[in-house]
Amino acid sequence: MTGKRGGAAKRAGDRDVAVVTPWYPNPQQEWAGAFVEAMVGATAPGCGQVTVYHTEAWLMRQPAAEVEAAREAHRRLLPQALHPAPAVAGARLVRVPVPTVPEYTFADLARQHASWLREALGGAPIPAPVVHAHVGLRGGWTALENARPDARVFVTEHASFLDKVLAQPDSRDLYAEVLERCTGFFVVTDVLRDRLAETFPALAGKIEPISNPISFEAPRERPVTELRRWLYVGSLVERKGVGPLLEAFARCHGTDPELTLTMVGAGPLAGALADRAAELGIGHAVSFPGAVPPHESARLMREHDLLVHAARWETFGVTVIEAVAAGMPVLVTRCGGPERTLAGIVDAAGEMVDVDDTPASIVAGYRRLCDRFPDGLDLPRARRVLDGRFGFRTVGEAHHRHWFPDAEPRSTAPDGTADAAPARETAEERDVA
């Protein structure tokens, strides 16, 4: 850090990188921004010093008359909070609290994040010559307003709530400015690219897909031998299809009482789902451990038999790829993202079913999957192909080619193909808003 807040700092190296993000795992929410942490883990190797600036929104609910006083107190206390901490892959992490109020638009929030980062930097620019921002406004605008004049600023959009941002006139105008000013603009899904291209046709040529990375380093020790332990990982919200999933499980459990279901995640439907499981007489077979940190989610994937992902709409569905990475078959709906991410390997990885408000398609898909398990699947092949599309090395090299003109050419994909292309979809997977 530089300026009056951070004191003197060494001159930035040519391959130093700053990451600006409104989300990053913290002790209270270890899963929040896990995809940003993964991106740092994938891209930091091969860089110089990597510094993550986490501008973290702190919601104020005081009366309006007290808000400014609270901000002034925060301004005085801020220097005591700015202590860089070690982060993944040798990076360092600086958390910058950002006081916000409920009435803000996304554009208002972006300006607040930019202003408080400037305050934390003591008015000096971010020293790194390359800045990578997460999400268009709270990351992208904040980075552009604080980068040094000659910095190369790249933005990655992965928000599933992009439509809400673009529906606000002031936020849409600010977003257009971010697109125009940044050096490069990436999306983690074709769905997001198409939405932005439709809204900003004059800037569509600047938008390029590069996936968020997924780790393929820790598969299960033993292959799956039966499909009895179901797992769901994600938010417990209507869009994720958790209601039909539970109903489908109840039907399948009726013919196979040894089936179990673990529904990992938090959300407004948690209580209703637990009550419904009791009504259906399957409460003993369904567990709700709540939201868990990424390492615990990975452990659960290695210990269960089948990931069931019944979303109605999904920009990517990162848990589907994480499950295959862990050596686990998947039963997933055709909800947007999975059709692209699993293109060419659906049968090898599991079974895909239509989106349905009833449990019928899930039940039928499960029975088809059981009929062809295990010989009709090829999980090792699916894992190799997806590693080539979404693995840390592939995604890291894709970013380095843009960040550093002298980046080495990308290597052959782990599945032997010459084109280890950046992923078409990965997202703000768990609806962190």
Protein backbone atom coordinates (compact mmCIF):
# COMPACT_ATOMS: atom_id res chain seq x y z
CA MET A 1 0.00 0.00 0.00
CA THR A 2 1.10 3.57 -0.61
CA GLY A 3 0.30 7.08 0.52
CA LYS A 4 -0.55 8.31 4.00
CA ARG A 5 -2.45 5.12 4.92
CA GLY A 6 0.07 2.49 3.88
CA GLY A 7 3.41 4.26 4.10
CA ALA A 8 6.21 3.79 1.61
CA ALA A 9 6.07 0.81 -0.70
CA LYS A 10 8.55 -0.69 -3.08
CA ARG A 11 8.25 0.18 -6.73
CA ALA A 12 5.82 -2.14 -8.49
CA GLY A 13 7.34 -4.79 -10.69
CA ASP A 14 6.28 -5.31 -14.29
CA ARG A 15 4.38 -8.48 -13.36
CA ASP A 16 2.79 -7.24 -10.14
CA VAL A 17 -0.99 -7.57 -10.12
CA ALA A 18 -3.75 -6.07 -8.01
CA VAL A 19 -7.10 -7.79 -7.63
CA VAL A 20 -10.10 -5.61 -6.74
CA THR A 21 -13.18 -7.46 -5.53
CA PRO A 22 -16.31 -6.87 -3.44
CA TRP A 23 -16.26 -10.51 -2.29
CA TYR A 24 -13.60 -12.65 -0.67
CA PRO A 25 -13.86 -15.42 1.94
CA ASN A 26 -13.86 -14.15 5.51
CA PRO A 27 -14.14 -15.86 8.91
CA GLN A 28 -17.88 -15.19 9.05
CA GLN A 29 -18.58 -16.32 5.47
CA GLU A 30 -15.90 -18.71 4.31
CA TRP A 31 -17.81 -19.48 1.10
CA ALA A 32 -18.37 -15.84 0.04
CA GLY A 33 -16.16 -15.08 -2.93
CA ALA A 34 -14.58 -18.53 -3.01
CA PHE A 35 -14.48 -18.22 -6.81
CA VAL A 36 -12.37 -15.04 -6.47
CA GLU A 37 -9.96 -16.85 -4.16
CA ALA A 38 -9.74 -19.65 -6.72
CA MET A 39 -8.97 -17.12 -9.45
CA VAL A 40 -6.13 -15.71 -7.37
CA GLY A 41 -4.83 -19.23 -6.78
CA ALA A 42 -4.87 -19.93 -10.51
CA THR A 43 -3.34 -16.67 -11.72
CA ALA A 44 -0.81 -15.77 -9.00
CA PRO A 45 1.82 -18.34 -10.12
CA GLY A 46 3.89 -16.59 -12.76
CA CYS A 47 3.10 -13.11 -11.43
CA GLY A 48 5.15 -10.86 -9.19
CA GLN A 49 3.48 -9.54 -6.04
CA VAL A 50 -0.28 -10.09 -6.07
CA THR A 51 -2.35 -7.90 -3.77
CA VAL A 52 -6.06 -8.48 -3.26
CA TYR A 53 -8.08 -5.41 -2.28
CA HIS A 54 -11.32 -6.69 -0.80
CA THR A 55 -13.73 -3.76 -0.58
CA GLU A 56 -16.27 -5.30 1.75
CA ALA A 57 -19.71 -3.70 2.14
CA TRP A 58 -20.75 -2.98 5.72
CA LEU A 59 -24.45 -2.16 5.75
CA MET A 60 -25.49 0.76 7.98
CA ARG A 61 -29.07 0.92 9.21
CA GLN A 62 -28.74 4.05 11.34
CA PRO A 63 -31.12 6.98 10.90
CA ALA A 64 -30.02 9.30 8.09
CA ALA A 65 -28.83 11.92 10.56
CA GLU A 66 -26.34 9.46 12.02
CA VAL A 67 -24.96 8.05 8.78
CA GLU A 68 -22.45 10.84 8.14
CA ALA A 69 -21.22 10.69 11.73
CA ALA A 70 -20.72 6.95 11.32
CA ARG A 71 -18.75 7.54 8.12
CA GLU A 72 -16.50 10.06 9.81
CA ALA A 73 -15.82 7.64 12.67
CA HIS A 74 -15.06 4.96 10.10
CA ARG A 75 -12.66 7.31 8.31
CA ARG A 76 -10.73 7.90 11.54
CA LEU A 77 -10.59 4.20 12.39
CA LEU A 78 -9.75 2.96 8.89
CA PRO A 79 -5.93 3.15 9.24
CA GLN A 80 -6.10 0.71 12.14
CA ALA A 81 -7.89 -1.85 10.00
CA LEU A 82 -5.53 -1.84 7.03
CA HIS A 83 -3.13 -4.67 7.78
CA PRO A 84 -2.13 -6.83 4.78
CA ALA A 85 -2.52 -10.52 5.55
CA PRO A 86 -1.16 -13.59 3.75
CA ALA A 87 -3.50 -15.02 1.13
CA VAL A 88 -3.60 -17.96 -1.25
CA ALA A 89 -0.67 -18.70 -3.60
CA GLY A 90 1.64 -16.15 -1.95
CA ALA A 91 -0.69 -13.21 -2.50
CA ARG A 92 -1.49 -10.71 0.19
CA LEU A 93 -4.96 -9.55 1.23
CA VAL A 94 -6.07 -6.06 2.26
CA ARG A 95 -9.64 -5.73 3.50
CA VAL A 96 -11.23 -2.29 3.08
CA PRO A 97 -14.61 -1.94 4.84
CA VAL A 98 -17.12 0.12 2.84
CA PRO A 99 -20.04 1.69 4.78
CA THR A 100 -23.23 1.42 2.71
CA VAL A 101 -26.95 2.05 3.15
CA PRO A 102 -29.90 0.02 1.82
CA GLU A 103 -31.11 2.73 -0.57
CA TYR A 104 -28.04 2.65 -2.81
CA THR A 105 -28.28 1.65 -6.46
CA PHE A 106 -25.49 -0.52 -7.86
CA ALA A 107 -23.92 2.65 -9.30
CA ASP A 108 -24.04 4.31 -5.88
CA LEU A 109 -22.40 1.24 -4.36
CA ALA A 110 -19.65 1.30 -6.98
CA ARG A 111 -18.86 4.94 -6.24
CA GLN A 112 -18.73 4.20 -2.52
CA HIS A 113 -16.38 1.25 -3.04
CA ALA A 114 -14.13 3.41 -5.24
CA SER A 115 -14.14 6.26 -2.75
CA TRP A 116 -13.25 4.14 0.26
CA LEU A 117 -10.48 2.32 -1.57
CA ARG A 118 -9.06 5.73 -2.50
CA GLU A 119 -9.29 6.68 1.17
CA ALA A 120 -7.46 3.49 2.14
CA LEU A 121 -4.73 4.21 -0.41
CA GLY A 122 -4.30 7.73 0.91
CA GLY A 123 -5.21 9.21 -2.45
CA ALA A 124 -2.38 7.39 -4.24
CA PRO A 125 -3.14 5.02 -7.12
CA ILE A 126 -2.92 1.26 -6.89
CA PRO A 127 0.80 0.68 -7.60
CA ALA A 128 0.46 -2.49 -9.72
CA PRO A 129 0.69 -2.14 -13.53
CA VAL A 130 -2.04 -4.79 -13.99
CA VAL A 131 -5.36 -4.65 -12.17
CA HIS A 132 -7.93 -7.45 -12.33
CA ALA A 133 -11.40 -6.51 -11.09
CA HIS A 134 -14.30 -8.79 -10.25
CA VAL A 135 -17.81 -7.76 -11.42
CA GLY A 136 -18.45 -4.73 -13.57
CA LEU A 137 -19.31 -1.97 -11.13
CA ARG A 138 -18.18 -2.60 -7.55
CA GLY A 139 -14.98 -4.14 -8.92
CA GLY A 140 -14.51 -2.60 -12.36
CA TRP A 141 -15.42 1.00 -11.55
CA THR A 142 -13.47 0.83 -8.29
CA ALA A 143 -10.38 -0.41 -10.13
CA LEU A 144 -10.59 2.15 -12.93
CA GLU A 145 -10.99 5.03 -10.48
CA ASN A 146 -7.97 3.94 -8.44
CA ALA A 147 -5.58 2.47 -11.02
CA ARG A 148 -2.52 4.41 -12.04
CA PRO A 149 -2.86 6.17 -15.43
CA ASP A 150 -0.73 3.66 -17.34
CA ALA A 151 -2.20 0.54 -15.70
CA ARG A 152 -3.88 -2.19 -17.71
CA VAL A 153 -7.28 -2.80 -16.11
CA PHE A 154 -9.20 -6.02 -16.79
CA VAL A 155 -12.69 -6.82 -15.55
CA THR A 156 -14.33 -10.22 -15.09
CA GLU A 157 -18.13 -10.33 -14.84
CA HIS A 158 -19.67 -13.34 -13.12
CA ALA A 159 -22.75 -11.95 -11.35
CA SER A 160 -25.97 -13.91 -11.74
CA PHE A 161 -27.87 -10.70 -10.86
CA LEU A 162 -26.57 -8.75 -13.87
CA ASP A 163 -30.11 -8.08 -15.10
CA LYS A 164 -30.85 -6.20 -11.88
CA VAL A 165 -27.78 -4.03 -12.44
CA LEU A 166 -28.68 -3.21 -16.03
CA ALA A 167 -32.29 -2.45 -15.10
CA GLN A 168 -31.15 0.64 -13.16
CA PRO A 169 -30.53 3.57 -15.57
CA ASP A 170 -27.65 5.09 -13.58
CA SER A 171 -26.01 1.69 -13.14
CA ARG A 172 -26.38 0.85 -16.83
CA ASP A 173 -24.74 4.16 -17.81
CA LEU A 174 -21.85 3.58 -15.41
CA TYR A 175 -21.47 0.03 -16.72
CA ALA A 176 -21.09 1.37 -20.26
CA GLU A 177 -18.28 3.61 -19.05
CA VAL A 178 -16.51 0.66 -17.42
CA LEU A 179 -16.74 -1.33 -20.66
CA GLU A 180 -15.36 1.57 -22.66
CA ARG A 181 -12.49 2.47 -20.31
CA CYS A 182 -11.13 -0.95 -19.34
CA THR A 183 -8.30 -2.65 -21.22
CA GLY A 184 -10.13 -5.95 -21.47
CA PHE A 185 -13.50 -7.28 -20.35
CA PHE A 186 -14.14 -10.94 -19.60
CA VAL A 187 -17.30 -12.88 -18.82
CA VAL A 188 -17.44 -16.34 -17.35
CA THR A 189 -20.49 -17.39 -19.33
CA ASP A 190 -21.90 -17.02 -22.81
CA VAL A 191 -25.19 -16.06 -21.16
CA LEU A 192 -23.57 -12.98 -19.64
CA ARG A 193 -21.77 -12.13 -22.86
CA ASP A 194 -25.00 -12.27 -24.85
CA ARG A 195 -26.79 -10.10 -22.30
CA LEU A 196 -24.07 -7.45 -22.32
CA ALA A 197 -23.73 -7.53 -26.11
CA GLU A 198 -27.47 -6.93 -26.41
CA THR A 199 -27.31 -3.98 -24.02
CA PHE A 200 -24.07 -2.45 -25.34
CA PRO A 201 -23.84 -3.51 -29.01
CA ALA A 202 -21.15 -0.94 -29.86
CA LEU A 203 -18.86 -2.50 -27.23
CA ALA A 204 -19.72 -6.16 -27.85
CA GLY A 205 -16.42 -6.84 -29.59
CA LYS A 206 -14.56 -6.11 -26.37
CA ILE A 207 -16.25 -8.92 -24.42
CA GLU A 208 -14.47 -12.27 -24.24
CA PRO A 209 -15.25 -15.46 -22.28
CA ILE A 210 -12.71 -16.74 -19.75
CA SER A 211 -13.87 -19.12 -17.04
CA ASN A 212 -13.43 -18.93 -13.34
CA PRO A 213 -11.06 -21.79 -12.47
CA ILE A 214 -11.87 -25.06 -10.77
CA SER A 215 -9.40 -27.25 -8.95
CA PHE A 216 -8.93 -30.82 -10.18
CA GLU A 217 -6.22 -31.68 -7.66
CA ALA A 218 -8.14 -33.77 -5.11
CA PRO A 219 -10.28 -36.58 -6.57
CA ARG A 220 -11.83 -39.23 -4.36
CA GLU A 221 -9.68 -42.16 -3.29
CA ARG A 222 -12.13 -44.83 -4.47
CA PRO A 223 -14.54 -44.69 -7.41
CA VAL A 224 -18.28 -44.47 -6.87
CA THR A 225 -19.79 -47.96 -6.77
CA GLU A 226 -23.47 -47.13 -6.24
CA LEU A 227 -25.78 -44.11 -6.58
CA ARG A 228 -27.44 -44.04 -3.17
CA ARG A 229 -25.94 -41.00 -1.40
CA TRP A 230 -27.38 -37.92 -3.15
CA LEU A 231 -25.82 -34.49 -2.67
CA TYR A 232 -27.00 -30.99 -3.47
CA VAL A 233 -24.71 -27.96 -3.00
CA GLY A 234 -26.03 -24.44 -3.51
CA SER A 235 -28.46 -21.84 -2.28
CA LEU A 236 -31.79 -23.04 -0.92
CA VAL A 237 -33.84 -20.79 -3.19
CA GLU A 238 -36.62 -21.44 -5.68
CA ARG A 239 -34.46 -20.80 -8.76
CA LYS A 240 -32.24 -23.73 -7.82
CA GLY A 241 -35.12 -26.21 -8.11
CA VAL A 242 -34.64 -27.53 -4.59
CA GLY A 243 -38.37 -28.20 -4.12
CA PRO A 244 -38.73 -30.57 -7.08
CA LEU A 245 -35.39 -32.13 -6.12
CA LEU A 246 -36.70 -33.03 -2.66
CA GLU A 247 -39.94 -34.40 -4.10
CA ALA A 248 -38.00 -36.49 -6.62
CA PHE A 249 -35.81 -37.87 -3.85
CA ALA A 250 -38.90 -38.85 -1.88
CA ARG A 251 -40.24 -40.84 -4.84
CA CYS A 252 -36.93 -42.61 -5.40
CA HIS A 253 -36.54 -43.26 -1.68
CA GLY A 254 -39.94 -44.98 -1.77
CA THR A 255 -38.46 -47.71 -3.96
CA ASP A 256 -35.00 -47.72 -2.36
CA PRO A 257 -35.09 -46.92 1.40
CA GLU A 258 -31.30 -46.88 1.56
CA LEU A 259 -31.11 -43.59 -0.36
CA THR A 260 -29.98 -40.48 1.51
CA LEU A 261 -29.92 -36.81 0.52
CA THR A 262 -27.63 -34.08 1.87
CA MET A 263 -28.74 -30.54 0.97
CA VAL A 264 -25.79 -28.23 1.57
CA GLY A 265 -26.48 -24.52 1.58
CA ALA A 266 -28.46 -21.72 3.15
CA GLY A 267 -31.47 -19.76 2.00
CA PRO A 268 -35.08 -18.78 2.66
CA LEU A 269 -36.43 -22.25 1.80
CA ALA A 270 -34.36 -24.12 4.40
CA GLY A 271 -37.13 -24.38 6.99
CA ALA A 272 -39.85 -25.22 4.46
CA LEU A 273 -37.71 -27.97 2.94
CA ALA A 274 -37.06 -29.54 6.32
CA ASP A 275 -40.78 -29.41 7.14
CA ARG A 276 -41.66 -30.96 3.79
CA ALA A 277 -39.14 -33.76 4.29
CA ALA A 278 -40.84 -34.57 7.59
CA GLU A 279 -44.29 -34.52 5.92
CA LEU A 280 -43.06 -36.93 3.28
CA GLY A 281 -41.72 -39.29 5.94
CA ILE A 282 -38.12 -38.95 4.79
CA GLY A 283 -36.82 -36.60 7.48
CA HIS A 284 -34.48 -39.33 8.72
CA ALA A 285 -32.92 -39.64 5.25
CA VAL A 286 -32.40 -35.94 4.50
CA SER A 287 -29.84 -33.70 6.20
CA PHE A 288 -29.37 -29.93 6.05
CA PRO A 289 -25.85 -29.01 7.22
CA GLY A 290 -26.23 -25.38 6.12
CA ALA A 291 -23.65 -23.42 4.15
CA VAL A 292 -20.12 -24.81 4.37
CA PRO A 293 -16.68 -23.53 3.31
CA PRO A 294 -15.25 -24.75 -0.02
CA HIS A 295 -12.94 -27.36 1.52
CA GLU A 296 -15.88 -28.95 3.33
CA SER A 297 -17.97 -28.93 0.16
CA ALA A 298 -15.13 -30.70 -1.66
CA ARG A 299 -14.91 -33.31 1.11
CA LEU A 300 -18.64 -33.99 0.88
CA MET A 301 -18.36 -34.48 -2.86
CA ARG A 302 -15.69 -37.09 -2.32
CA GLU A 303 -17.91 -38.89 0.19
CA HIS A 304 -21.23 -38.92 -1.70
CA ASP A 305 -22.27 -40.85 -4.79
CA LEU A 306 -24.25 -38.45 -6.95
CA LEU A 307 -24.60 -34.69 -7.32
CA VAL A 308 -28.17 -33.65 -8.21
CA HIS A 309 -28.46 -30.13 -9.59
CA ALA A 310 -32.03 -29.21 -10.55
CA ALA A 311 -31.73 -25.47 -11.20
CA ARG A 312 -34.30 -23.75 -13.42
CA TRP A 313 -31.73 -21.32 -14.75
CA GLU A 314 -27.97 -21.22 -14.29
CA THR A 315 -25.22 -19.13 -15.81
CA PHE A 316 -22.78 -21.97 -15.18
CA GLY A 317 -23.44 -24.29 -12.25
CA VAL A 318 -19.94 -24.53 -10.82
CA THR A 319 -20.85 -27.34 -8.44
CA VAL A 320 -21.54 -29.59 -11.43
CA ILE A 321 -17.94 -29.23 -12.59
CA GLU A 322 -16.61 -29.48 -9.04
CA ALA A 323 -18.45 -32.78 -8.64
CA VAL A 324 -16.90 -34.26 -11.78
CA ALA A 325 -13.52 -32.94 -10.60
CA ALA A 326 -14.06 -34.91 -7.40
CA GLY A 327 -14.83 -38.08 -9.41
CA MET A 328 -18.57 -37.93 -8.87
CA PRO A 329 -21.35 -38.45 -11.48
CA VAL A 330 -23.98 -35.74 -11.92
CA LEU A 331 -27.71 -35.55 -12.58
CA VAL A 332 -28.34 -32.02 -13.86
CA THR A 333 -31.04 -30.02 -15.60
CA ARG A 334 -30.70 -28.32 -18.97
CA CYS A 335 -30.78 -24.93 -17.29
CA GLY A 336 -28.46 -22.88 -19.48
CA GLY A 337 -24.89 -23.34 -18.31
CA PRO A 338 -24.47 -27.13 -18.00
CA GLU A 339 -25.38 -27.72 -21.66
CA ARG A 340 -22.25 -25.74 -22.59
CA THR A 341 -19.87 -26.79 -19.85
CA LEU A 342 -20.63 -30.49 -20.33
CA ALA A 343 -20.82 -30.28 -24.13
CA GLY A 344 -19.58 -33.51 -25.69
CA ILE A 345 -19.25 -35.40 -22.38
CA VAL A 346 -22.77 -35.46 -20.93
CA ASP A 347 -23.07 -39.25 -21.16
CA ALA A 348 -19.58 -39.71 -19.72
CA ALA A 349 -20.31 -37.46 -16.73
CA GLY A 350 -23.87 -38.51 -15.89
CA GLU A 351 -27.37 -37.61 -17.02
CA MET A 352 -29.06 -34.40 -18.15
CA VAL A 353 -32.81 -33.77 -17.82
CA ASP A 354 -35.28 -31.06 -18.79
CA VAL A 355 -36.24 -28.32 -16.38
CA ASP A 356 -39.56 -29.30 -14.85
CA ASP A 357 -41.61 -27.83 -12.00
CA THR A 358 -42.55 -31.37 -11.07
CA PRO A 359 -40.18 -34.11 -9.89
CA ALA A 360 -40.94 -36.32 -12.89
CA SER A 361 -37.90 -35.47 -15.04
CA ILE A 362 -35.48 -35.90 -12.13
CA VAL A 363 -36.96 -39.28 -11.20
CA ALA A 364 -36.83 -40.48 -14.81
CA GLY A 365 -33.27 -39.19 -15.21
CA TYR A 366 -32.14 -40.95 -12.05
CA ARG A 367 -33.59 -44.23 -13.23
CA ARG A 368 -31.91 -43.90 -16.62
CA LEU A 369 -28.62 -43.13 -14.92
CA CYS A 370 -28.95 -46.18 -12.67
CA ASP A 371 -29.63 -48.36 -15.70
CA ARG A 372 -26.34 -47.36 -17.35
CA PHE A 373 -24.18 -47.09 -14.24
CA PRO A 374 -21.29 -47.80 -14.08
CA ASP A 375 -20.37 -49.10 -17.55
CA GLY A 376 -22.24 -46.38 -19.44
CA LEU A 377 -20.22 -43.60 -17.81
CA ASP A 378 -16.58 -42.58 -18.25
CA LEU A 379 -15.81 -40.26 -15.34
CA PRO A 380 -12.01 -40.28 -15.84
CA ARG A 381 -12.48 -39.03 -19.40
CA ALA A 382 -15.01 -36.41 -18.33
CA ARG A 383 -12.62 -35.22 -15.65
CA ARG A 384 -9.70 -34.90 -18.10
CA VAL A 385 -11.77 -32.93 -20.59
CA LEU A 386 -13.13 -30.55 -17.97
CA ASP A 387 -9.68 -30.01 -16.49
CA GLY A 388 -8.62 -28.87 -19.95
CA ARG A 389 -11.53 -26.45 -20.09
CA PHE A 390 -11.72 -25.16 -16.53
CA GLY A 391 -8.56 -26.19 -14.65
CA PHE A 392 -6.30 -23.72 -12.86
CA ARG A 393 -3.53 -23.93 -15.44
CA THR A 394 -5.85 -23.31 -18.39
CA VAL A 395 -7.54 -20.30 -16.82
CA GLY A 396 -4.32 -18.86 -15.40
CA GLU A 397 -2.61 -18.98 -18.79
CA ALA A 398 -5.64 -17.38 -20.46
CA HIS A 399 -5.38 -14.37 -18.16
CA HIS A 400 -1.62 -14.12 -18.41
CA ARG A 401 -1.83 -13.86 -22.18
CA HIS A 402 -3.84 -10.68 -21.72
CA TRP A 403 -2.04 -9.30 -18.70
CA PHE A 404 1.50 -9.79 -19.95
CA PRO A 405 2.32 -9.47 -23.67
CA ASP A 406 5.30 -11.80 -23.21
CA ALA A 407 3.20 -14.63 -21.73
CA GLU A 408 4.18 -18.14 -22.85
CA PRO A 409 1.88 -19.86 -25.35
CA ARG A 410 -0.70 -22.08 -23.73
CA SER A 411 0.08 -25.74 -23.59
CA THR A 412 -1.86 -28.75 -24.76
CA ALA A 413 -4.94 -29.54 -22.70
CA PRO A 414 -4.80 -32.46 -20.26
CA ASP A 415 -7.15 -34.46 -22.49
CA GLY A 416 -4.66 -34.26 -25.35
CA THR A 417 -6.46 -31.66 -27.45
CA ALA A 418 -4.54 -28.72 -28.84
CA ASP A 419 -7.18 -26.17 -27.86
CA ALA A 420 -7.42 -25.85 -24.11
CA ALA A 421 -10.00 -23.13 -24.67
CA PRO A 422 -11.18 -20.88 -21.87
CA ALA A 423 -14.41 -22.11 -20.36
CA ARG A 424 -17.68 -20.95 -21.71
CA GLU A 425 -19.40 -20.66 -18.36
CA THR A 426 -18.69 -20.34 -14.71
CA ALA A 427 -20.30 -17.96 -12.41
CA GLU A 428 -21.23 -16.36 -9.29
CA GLU A 429 -22.23 -19.77 -8.39
CA ARG A 430 -23.96 -19.47 -5.10
CA ASP A 431 -25.93 -16.29 -5.49
CA VAL A 432 -23.72 -14.12 -3.31
CA ALA A 433 -25.33 -10.71 -3.78
